[in-house]
């Protein structure tokens, strides 16, 4: 499947991020959390069960929702209005949030042994790790697009 390249225009890029990444995260994370709960419950005694994964994903849902709302209600509308000066502080907050999200991603990778399935993993466990793999790739692309493409356009040089 070929994905559209993100637009060069910052205002259009914010709309792309909302439609492509924010919507997908909102759709995928609850399903992944439910699947993680099922795997943790059914395989509670298994040596490599990702115990605590559902809790991390649930926390991530809440924190990501707050973060995405800040972008959608504050930062992105300011960018769409032309990105007048004064965006450095909201962008700094978004970057700090991104670092917090990356720490949660580290927890997910640790709990799942970097998405390494145990021998004989069931279909649910396999589906969970495959879905997490897609989410993590997507999330990484999302952060990279904001951190390396969008935000630098509105920060003083050297930040």
N, C-alpha and C. Protein backbone atom coordinates (compact mmCIF):
# COMPACT_ATOMS: atom_id res chain seq x y z
N UNK A 1 0.85 -1.18 0.00
CA UNK A 1 0.00 0.00 0.00
C UNK A 1 0.89 1.24 0.00
N UNK A 2 0.61 2.14 -0.89
CA UNK A 2 1.38 3.38 -0.98
C UNK A 2 0.63 4.47 -0.23
N UNK A 3 1.34 5.13 0.64
CA UNK A 3 0.73 6.21 1.40
C UNK A 3 1.07 7.53 0.74
N UNK A 4 0.15 8.47 0.86
CA UNK A 4 0.41 9.80 0.35
C UNK A 4 1.54 10.43 1.15
N UNK A 5 2.36 11.19 0.46
CA UNK A 5 3.40 11.92 1.15
C UNK A 5 2.77 13.11 1.86
N UNK A 6 3.30 13.46 3.02
CA UNK A 6 2.72 14.62 3.72
C UNK A 6 2.96 15.89 2.92
N UNK A 7 2.04 16.84 3.03
CA UNK A 7 2.18 18.09 2.28
C UNK A 7 3.33 18.94 2.82
N UNK A 8 3.84 19.82 1.96
CA UNK A 8 4.91 20.72 2.35
C UNK A 8 4.40 21.93 3.15
N UNK A 9 3.19 22.35 2.88
CA UNK A 9 2.60 23.51 3.55
C UNK A 9 2.31 23.17 5.02
N UNK A 10 2.81 23.97 5.97
CA UNK A 10 2.61 23.64 7.39
C UNK A 10 1.14 23.51 7.79
N UNK A 11 0.28 24.37 7.28
CA UNK A 11 -1.14 24.29 7.63
C UNK A 11 -1.74 22.98 7.12
N UNK A 12 -1.43 22.63 5.89
CA UNK A 12 -1.92 21.37 5.34
C UNK A 12 -1.30 20.18 6.08
N UNK A 13 -0.07 20.33 6.51
CA UNK A 13 0.60 19.26 7.25
C UNK A 13 -0.10 18.98 8.58
N UNK A 14 -0.58 20.03 9.25
CA UNK A 14 -1.30 19.81 10.51
C UNK A 14 -2.58 19.00 10.25
N UNK A 15 -3.27 19.30 9.18
CA UNK A 15 -4.49 18.55 8.84
C UNK A 15 -4.15 17.10 8.49
N UNK A 16 -3.05 16.92 7.78
CA UNK A 16 -2.58 15.57 7.44
C UNK A 16 -2.28 14.77 8.71
N UNK A 17 -1.58 15.39 9.65
CA UNK A 17 -1.22 14.70 10.90
C UNK A 17 -2.48 14.29 11.67
N UNK A 18 -3.45 15.19 11.74
CA UNK A 18 -4.69 14.86 12.44
C UNK A 18 -5.42 13.70 11.77
N UNK A 19 -5.56 13.78 10.44
CA UNK A 19 -6.32 12.75 9.73
C UNK A 19 -5.57 11.42 9.65
N UNK A 20 -4.28 11.48 9.47
CA UNK A 20 -3.51 10.26 9.26
C UNK A 20 -3.06 9.61 10.57
N UNK A 21 -2.52 10.41 11.48
CA UNK A 21 -1.94 9.83 12.69
C UNK A 21 -2.87 9.89 13.90
N UNK A 22 -3.42 11.05 14.20
CA UNK A 22 -4.26 11.15 15.38
C UNK A 22 -5.45 10.20 15.27
N UNK A 23 -6.11 10.20 14.13
CA UNK A 23 -7.28 9.32 13.95
C UNK A 23 -6.88 7.85 14.08
N UNK A 24 -5.77 7.48 13.52
CA UNK A 24 -5.33 6.08 13.57
C UNK A 24 -4.97 5.67 14.99
N UNK A 25 -4.28 6.54 15.72
CA UNK A 25 -3.93 6.20 17.11
C UNK A 25 -5.20 6.01 17.94
N UNK A 26 -6.18 6.88 17.75
CA UNK A 26 -7.43 6.78 18.50
C UNK A 26 -8.17 5.49 18.16
N UNK A 27 -8.04 5.05 16.94
CA UNK A 27 -8.70 3.82 16.51
C UNK A 27 -7.97 2.57 17.00
N UNK A 28 -6.66 2.56 16.92
CA UNK A 28 -5.90 1.35 17.20
C UNK A 28 -5.64 1.07 18.68
N UNK A 29 -5.33 2.10 19.45
CA UNK A 29 -4.91 1.86 20.83
C UNK A 29 -5.95 1.17 21.70
N UNK A 30 -7.22 1.52 21.64
CA UNK A 30 -8.20 0.78 22.46
C UNK A 30 -8.26 -0.71 22.10
N UNK A 31 -8.19 -1.02 20.82
CA UNK A 31 -8.21 -2.43 20.40
C UNK A 31 -6.97 -3.17 20.88
N UNK A 32 -5.82 -2.52 20.78
CA UNK A 32 -4.58 -3.14 21.25
C UNK A 32 -4.62 -3.34 22.77
N UNK A 33 -5.20 -2.39 23.48
CA UNK A 33 -5.31 -2.51 24.93
C UNK A 33 -6.20 -3.69 25.30
N UNK A 34 -7.33 -3.83 24.62
CA UNK A 34 -8.24 -4.96 24.89
C UNK A 34 -7.55 -6.28 24.59
N UNK A 35 -6.81 -6.32 23.51
CA UNK A 35 -6.08 -7.54 23.14
C UNK A 35 -4.99 -7.85 24.17
N UNK A 36 -4.31 -6.83 24.65
CA UNK A 36 -3.28 -7.03 25.68
C UNK A 36 -3.91 -7.56 26.97
N UNK A 37 -5.06 -7.03 27.34
CA UNK A 37 -5.76 -7.53 28.53
C UNK A 37 -6.09 -9.02 28.38
N UNK A 38 -6.57 -9.39 27.20
CA UNK A 38 -6.92 -10.78 26.95
C UNK A 38 -5.68 -11.68 27.05
N UNK A 39 -4.60 -11.28 26.41
CA UNK A 39 -3.37 -12.07 26.45
C UNK A 39 -2.86 -12.19 27.87
N UNK A 40 -2.85 -11.09 28.60
CA UNK A 40 -2.38 -11.12 29.99
C UNK A 40 -3.25 -12.04 30.86
N UNK A 41 -4.55 -12.01 30.64
CA UNK A 41 -5.47 -12.82 31.44
C UNK A 41 -5.33 -14.31 31.09
N UNK A 42 -5.37 -14.64 29.81
CA UNK A 42 -5.34 -16.03 29.37
C UNK A 42 -3.99 -16.68 29.65
N UNK A 43 -2.92 -15.91 29.51
CA UNK A 43 -1.56 -16.47 29.65
C UNK A 43 -0.86 -15.97 30.91
N UNK A 44 -1.64 -15.71 31.95
CA UNK A 44 -1.08 -15.12 33.18
C UNK A 44 0.09 -15.92 33.75
N UNK A 45 0.09 -17.22 33.55
CA UNK A 45 1.16 -18.06 34.10
C UNK A 45 2.32 -18.28 33.14
N UNK A 46 2.22 -17.78 31.93
CA UNK A 46 3.28 -17.97 30.94
C UNK A 46 4.50 -17.12 31.30
N UNK A 47 5.67 -17.67 31.06
CA UNK A 47 6.92 -17.00 31.43
C UNK A 47 7.10 -15.67 30.72
N UNK A 48 6.70 -15.58 29.47
CA UNK A 48 6.96 -14.36 28.70
C UNK A 48 5.72 -13.48 28.51
N UNK A 49 4.71 -13.70 29.34
CA UNK A 49 3.52 -12.87 29.22
C UNK A 49 3.90 -11.41 29.48
N UNK A 50 3.40 -10.49 28.65
CA UNK A 50 3.74 -9.07 28.85
C UNK A 50 2.91 -8.44 29.96
N UNK A 51 3.11 -8.91 31.17
CA UNK A 51 2.34 -8.44 32.32
C UNK A 51 2.52 -6.94 32.51
N UNK A 52 1.41 -6.23 32.57
CA UNK A 52 1.44 -4.78 32.72
C UNK A 52 1.33 -4.02 31.41
N UNK A 53 1.36 -4.72 30.29
CA UNK A 53 1.28 -4.05 28.99
C UNK A 53 -0.03 -3.30 28.82
N UNK A 54 -1.14 -3.94 29.19
CA UNK A 54 -2.44 -3.27 29.03
C UNK A 54 -2.49 -1.98 29.84
N UNK A 55 -1.89 -1.99 31.02
CA UNK A 55 -1.89 -0.78 31.86
C UNK A 55 -1.08 0.34 31.19
N UNK A 56 0.05 -0.01 30.60
CA UNK A 56 0.86 0.99 29.90
C UNK A 56 0.09 1.54 28.70
N UNK A 57 -0.55 0.66 27.96
CA UNK A 57 -1.33 1.11 26.80
C UNK A 57 -2.51 1.98 27.23
N UNK A 58 -3.15 1.63 28.34
CA UNK A 58 -4.27 2.45 28.84
C UNK A 58 -3.77 3.83 29.24
N UNK A 59 -2.63 3.88 29.91
CA UNK A 59 -2.04 5.16 30.28
C UNK A 59 -1.69 5.97 29.02
N UNK A 60 -1.17 5.27 28.02
CA UNK A 60 -0.79 5.95 26.78
C UNK A 60 -2.02 6.53 26.09
N UNK A 61 -3.13 5.81 26.12
CA UNK A 61 -4.37 6.33 25.52
C UNK A 61 -4.70 7.68 26.15
N UNK A 62 -4.69 7.74 27.48
CA UNK A 62 -5.03 8.99 28.16
C UNK A 62 -4.05 10.10 27.87
N UNK A 63 -2.78 9.80 27.97
CA UNK A 63 -1.77 10.84 27.75
C UNK A 63 -1.73 11.30 26.30
N UNK A 64 -1.89 10.37 25.38
CA UNK A 64 -1.90 10.76 23.96
C UNK A 64 -3.13 11.60 23.64
N UNK A 65 -4.26 11.25 24.23
CA UNK A 65 -5.47 12.03 23.96
C UNK A 65 -5.30 13.47 24.42
N UNK A 66 -4.77 13.67 25.60
CA UNK A 66 -4.53 15.03 26.10
C UNK A 66 -3.55 15.75 25.16
N UNK A 67 -2.48 15.07 24.78
CA UNK A 67 -1.47 15.66 23.90
C UNK A 67 -2.09 16.05 22.55
N UNK A 68 -2.82 15.12 21.94
CA UNK A 68 -3.39 15.40 20.63
C UNK A 68 -4.42 16.53 20.69
N UNK A 69 -5.18 16.59 21.79
CA UNK A 69 -6.14 17.70 21.95
C UNK A 69 -5.41 19.04 22.05
N UNK A 70 -4.27 19.08 22.76
CA UNK A 70 -3.50 20.33 22.84
C UNK A 70 -3.04 20.75 21.45
N UNK A 71 -2.63 19.78 20.64
CA UNK A 71 -2.23 20.12 19.27
C UNK A 71 -3.42 20.60 18.46
N UNK A 72 -4.53 19.86 18.54
CA UNK A 72 -5.70 20.15 17.71
C UNK A 72 -6.41 21.44 18.10
N UNK A 73 -6.37 21.79 19.39
CA UNK A 73 -7.11 22.97 19.85
C UNK A 73 -6.25 24.21 20.02
N UNK A 74 -4.94 24.05 20.17
CA UNK A 74 -4.07 25.21 20.43
C UNK A 74 -3.01 25.37 19.35
N UNK A 75 -2.11 24.41 19.26
CA UNK A 75 -0.95 24.58 18.38
C UNK A 75 -1.31 24.57 16.90
N UNK A 76 -2.04 23.56 16.46
CA UNK A 76 -2.33 23.46 15.03
C UNK A 76 -3.17 24.63 14.52
N UNK A 77 -4.20 25.08 15.26
CA UNK A 77 -4.92 26.27 14.77
C UNK A 77 -4.00 27.50 14.67
N UNK A 78 -3.06 27.65 15.60
CA UNK A 78 -2.12 28.78 15.51
C UNK A 78 -1.25 28.65 14.26
N UNK A 79 -0.83 27.45 13.95
CA UNK A 79 -0.04 27.24 12.73
C UNK A 79 -0.88 27.55 11.50
N UNK A 80 -2.14 27.15 11.52
CA UNK A 80 -3.02 27.39 10.37
C UNK A 80 -3.31 28.88 10.18
N UNK A 81 -3.18 29.64 11.26
CA UNK A 81 -3.38 31.09 11.17
C UNK A 81 -2.10 31.80 10.72
N UNK A 82 -1.09 31.04 10.41
CA UNK A 82 0.14 31.64 9.91
C UNK A 82 1.33 31.47 10.82
N UNK A 83 1.12 30.88 11.95
CA UNK A 83 2.25 30.58 12.84
C UNK A 83 2.99 31.80 13.32
N UNK A 84 2.26 32.78 13.78
CA UNK A 84 2.90 33.98 14.31
C UNK A 84 3.88 33.62 15.41
N UNK A 85 4.70 34.58 15.76
CA UNK A 85 5.68 34.32 16.81
C UNK A 85 4.97 33.90 18.10
N UNK A 86 5.72 33.27 18.97
CA UNK A 86 5.15 32.83 20.23
C UNK A 86 4.79 31.36 20.26
N UNK A 87 5.13 30.63 19.21
CA UNK A 87 4.84 29.20 19.20
C UNK A 87 5.94 28.37 19.86
N UNK A 88 7.04 29.02 20.23
CA UNK A 88 8.15 28.26 20.81
C UNK A 88 7.74 27.53 22.08
N UNK A 89 6.96 28.19 22.95
CA UNK A 89 6.56 27.56 24.20
C UNK A 89 5.61 26.39 24.00
N UNK A 90 4.55 26.53 23.20
CA UNK A 90 3.70 25.35 22.96
C UNK A 90 4.47 24.20 22.30
N UNK A 91 5.37 24.53 21.41
CA UNK A 91 6.17 23.49 20.76
C UNK A 91 7.09 22.82 21.77
N UNK A 92 7.65 23.58 22.67
CA UNK A 92 8.51 23.00 23.72
C UNK A 92 7.70 22.02 24.57
N UNK A 93 6.45 22.36 24.86
CA UNK A 93 5.58 21.46 25.63
C UNK A 93 5.31 20.18 24.83
N UNK A 94 5.05 20.33 23.53
CA UNK A 94 4.80 19.16 22.68
C UNK A 94 6.02 18.25 22.61
N UNK A 95 7.20 18.86 22.51
CA UNK A 95 8.44 18.06 22.47
C UNK A 95 8.64 17.31 23.80
N UNK A 96 8.32 17.96 24.91
CA UNK A 96 8.43 17.29 26.21
C UNK A 96 7.44 16.12 26.29
N UNK A 97 6.24 16.34 25.80
CA UNK A 97 5.26 15.25 25.74
C UNK A 97 5.80 14.10 24.90
N UNK A 98 6.41 14.42 23.78
CA UNK A 98 6.96 13.39 22.90
C UNK A 98 8.01 12.55 23.63
N UNK A 99 8.84 13.21 24.43
CA UNK A 99 9.84 12.46 25.20
C UNK A 99 9.16 11.52 26.20
N UNK A 100 8.09 11.99 26.81
CA UNK A 100 7.33 11.13 27.73
C UNK A 100 6.72 9.94 26.98
N UNK A 101 6.20 10.19 25.79
CA UNK A 101 5.62 9.11 24.98
C UNK A 101 6.71 8.10 24.59
N UNK A 102 7.88 8.61 24.26
CA UNK A 102 8.98 7.71 23.89
C UNK A 102 9.38 6.83 25.07
N UNK A 103 9.28 7.35 26.29
CA UNK A 103 9.56 6.54 27.48
C UNK A 103 8.53 5.41 27.59
N UNK A 104 7.27 5.70 27.30
CA UNK A 104 6.24 4.66 27.32
C UNK A 104 6.49 3.62 26.24
N UNK A 105 6.95 4.07 25.08
CA UNK A 105 7.29 3.14 24.00
C UNK A 105 8.41 2.21 24.48
N UNK A 106 9.36 2.76 25.22
CA UNK A 106 10.43 1.95 25.78
C UNK A 106 9.88 0.89 26.73
N UNK A 107 8.89 1.26 27.52
CA UNK A 107 8.25 0.29 28.42
C UNK A 107 7.57 -0.82 27.63
N UNK A 108 6.88 -0.44 26.56
CA UNK A 108 6.20 -1.43 25.72
C UNK A 108 7.22 -2.40 25.14
N UNK A 109 8.31 -1.86 24.64
CA UNK A 109 9.35 -2.73 24.06
C UNK A 109 9.95 -3.64 25.12
N UNK A 110 10.14 -3.12 26.32
CA UNK A 110 10.72 -3.94 27.40
C UNK A 110 9.76 -5.05 27.81
N UNK A 111 8.49 -4.70 28.00
CA UNK A 111 7.50 -5.69 28.43
C UNK A 111 7.29 -6.80 27.40
N UNK A 112 7.50 -6.48 26.12
CA UNK A 112 7.25 -7.45 25.05
C UNK A 112 8.54 -8.07 24.52
N UNK A 113 9.65 -7.83 25.21
CA UNK A 113 10.95 -8.31 24.72
C UNK A 113 11.14 -7.87 23.27
N UNK A 114 10.89 -6.59 23.05
CA UNK A 114 10.99 -5.97 21.72
C UNK A 114 10.11 -6.70 20.70
N UNK A 115 8.89 -6.99 21.13
CA UNK A 115 7.88 -7.66 20.30
C UNK A 115 8.31 -9.05 19.86
N UNK A 116 9.03 -9.75 20.70
CA UNK A 116 9.46 -11.12 20.41
C UNK A 116 8.43 -12.10 20.96
N UNK A 117 7.78 -12.81 20.08
CA UNK A 117 6.78 -13.79 20.49
C UNK A 117 7.43 -15.02 21.08
N UNK A 118 6.83 -15.59 22.10
CA UNK A 118 7.34 -16.87 22.63
C UNK A 118 6.98 -18.00 21.67
N UNK A 119 7.70 -19.08 21.75
CA UNK A 119 7.37 -20.25 20.94
C UNK A 119 5.93 -20.67 21.22
N UNK A 120 5.21 -20.99 20.16
CA UNK A 120 3.84 -21.47 20.31
C UNK A 120 2.83 -20.40 20.67
N UNK A 121 3.15 -19.14 20.43
CA UNK A 121 2.22 -18.05 20.77
C UNK A 121 0.89 -18.25 20.05
N UNK A 122 -0.19 -17.97 20.74
CA UNK A 122 -1.52 -18.11 20.17
C UNK A 122 -1.79 -16.98 19.16
N UNK A 123 -2.93 -17.11 18.50
CA UNK A 123 -3.29 -16.10 17.49
C UNK A 123 -3.49 -14.72 18.10
N UNK A 124 -4.07 -14.66 19.29
CA UNK A 124 -4.29 -13.36 19.93
C UNK A 124 -2.96 -12.68 20.27
N UNK A 125 -2.04 -13.44 20.81
CA UNK A 125 -0.73 -12.90 21.18
C UNK A 125 0.00 -12.44 19.91
N UNK A 126 -0.09 -13.24 18.86
CA UNK A 126 0.54 -12.88 17.59
C UNK A 126 -0.09 -11.61 17.03
N UNK A 127 -1.41 -11.55 17.05
CA UNK A 127 -2.11 -10.36 16.54
C UNK A 127 -1.75 -9.12 17.36
N UNK A 128 -1.61 -9.30 18.68
CA UNK A 128 -1.22 -8.18 19.54
C UNK A 128 0.13 -7.63 19.14
N UNK A 129 1.12 -8.48 18.99
CA UNK A 129 2.47 -8.02 18.68
C UNK A 129 2.56 -7.47 17.26
N UNK A 130 1.81 -8.06 16.33
CA UNK A 130 1.79 -7.51 14.97
C UNK A 130 1.15 -6.13 14.98
N UNK A 131 0.04 -5.98 15.70
CA UNK A 131 -0.62 -4.68 15.81
C UNK A 131 0.25 -3.65 16.51
N UNK A 132 0.93 -4.08 17.56
CA UNK A 132 1.85 -3.17 18.26
C UNK A 132 2.99 -2.75 17.34
N UNK A 133 3.47 -3.67 16.53
CA UNK A 133 4.54 -3.34 15.59
C UNK A 133 4.10 -2.25 14.62
N UNK A 134 2.90 -2.39 14.08
CA UNK A 134 2.37 -1.36 13.17
C UNK A 134 2.20 -0.04 13.90
N UNK A 135 1.63 -0.11 15.13
CA UNK A 135 1.43 1.12 15.91
C UNK A 135 2.77 1.80 16.19
N UNK A 136 3.76 1.05 16.63
CA UNK A 136 5.05 1.65 16.98
C UNK A 136 5.72 2.27 15.75
N UNK A 137 5.65 1.61 14.61
CA UNK A 137 6.20 2.19 13.37
C UNK A 137 5.48 3.48 13.03
N UNK A 138 4.17 3.43 13.12
CA UNK A 138 3.33 4.59 12.81
C UNK A 138 3.62 5.74 13.78
N UNK A 139 3.71 5.41 15.04
CA UNK A 139 3.95 6.42 16.06
C UNK A 139 5.32 7.08 15.86
N UNK A 140 6.31 6.28 15.53
CA UNK A 140 7.64 6.81 15.26
C UNK A 140 7.61 7.78 14.07
N UNK A 141 6.91 7.39 13.01
CA UNK A 141 6.79 8.27 11.84
C UNK A 141 6.06 9.57 12.21
N UNK A 142 5.05 9.46 13.05
CA UNK A 142 4.28 10.62 13.51
C UNK A 142 5.18 11.60 14.26
N UNK A 143 5.92 11.07 15.25
CA UNK A 143 6.81 11.94 16.03
C UNK A 143 7.89 12.56 15.16
N UNK A 144 8.44 11.78 14.27
CA UNK A 144 9.50 12.28 13.39
C UNK A 144 8.97 13.41 12.51
N UNK A 145 7.77 13.26 11.99
CA UNK A 145 7.18 14.29 11.14
C UNK A 145 6.99 15.59 11.92
N UNK A 146 6.52 15.50 13.15
CA UNK A 146 6.33 16.71 13.94
C UNK A 146 7.68 17.29 14.39
N UNK A 147 8.53 16.44 14.98
CA UNK A 147 9.79 16.92 15.55
C UNK A 147 10.78 17.43 14.52
N UNK A 148 10.83 16.79 13.36
CA UNK A 148 11.87 17.11 12.39
C UNK A 148 11.40 17.91 11.19
N UNK A 149 10.09 17.94 10.95
CA UNK A 149 9.58 18.66 9.78
C UNK A 149 8.72 19.86 10.20
N UNK A 150 7.70 19.62 11.00
CA UNK A 150 6.75 20.69 11.33
C UNK A 150 7.31 21.68 12.34
N UNK A 151 7.71 21.21 13.50
CA UNK A 151 8.12 22.11 14.57
C UNK A 151 9.30 23.01 14.22
N UNK A 152 10.34 22.52 13.56
CA UNK A 152 11.48 23.39 13.26
C UNK A 152 11.12 24.64 12.44
N UNK A 153 10.00 24.56 11.70
CA UNK A 153 9.58 25.70 10.89
C UNK A 153 9.13 26.88 11.75
N UNK A 154 8.86 26.62 13.03
CA UNK A 154 8.32 27.65 13.91
C UNK A 154 9.17 27.90 15.14
N UNK A 155 10.39 27.39 15.11
CA UNK A 155 11.31 27.58 16.22
C UNK A 155 12.47 28.44 15.75
N UNK A 156 13.05 29.22 16.67
CA UNK A 156 14.25 29.98 16.31
C UNK A 156 15.37 29.02 15.90
N UNK A 157 16.20 29.44 15.01
CA UNK A 157 17.33 28.59 14.58
C UNK A 157 18.17 28.21 15.78
N UNK A 158 18.70 27.00 15.76
CA UNK A 158 19.57 26.55 16.82
C UNK A 158 18.86 25.85 17.95
N UNK A 159 17.51 25.69 17.86
CA UNK A 159 16.76 25.00 18.92
C UNK A 159 16.81 23.51 18.67
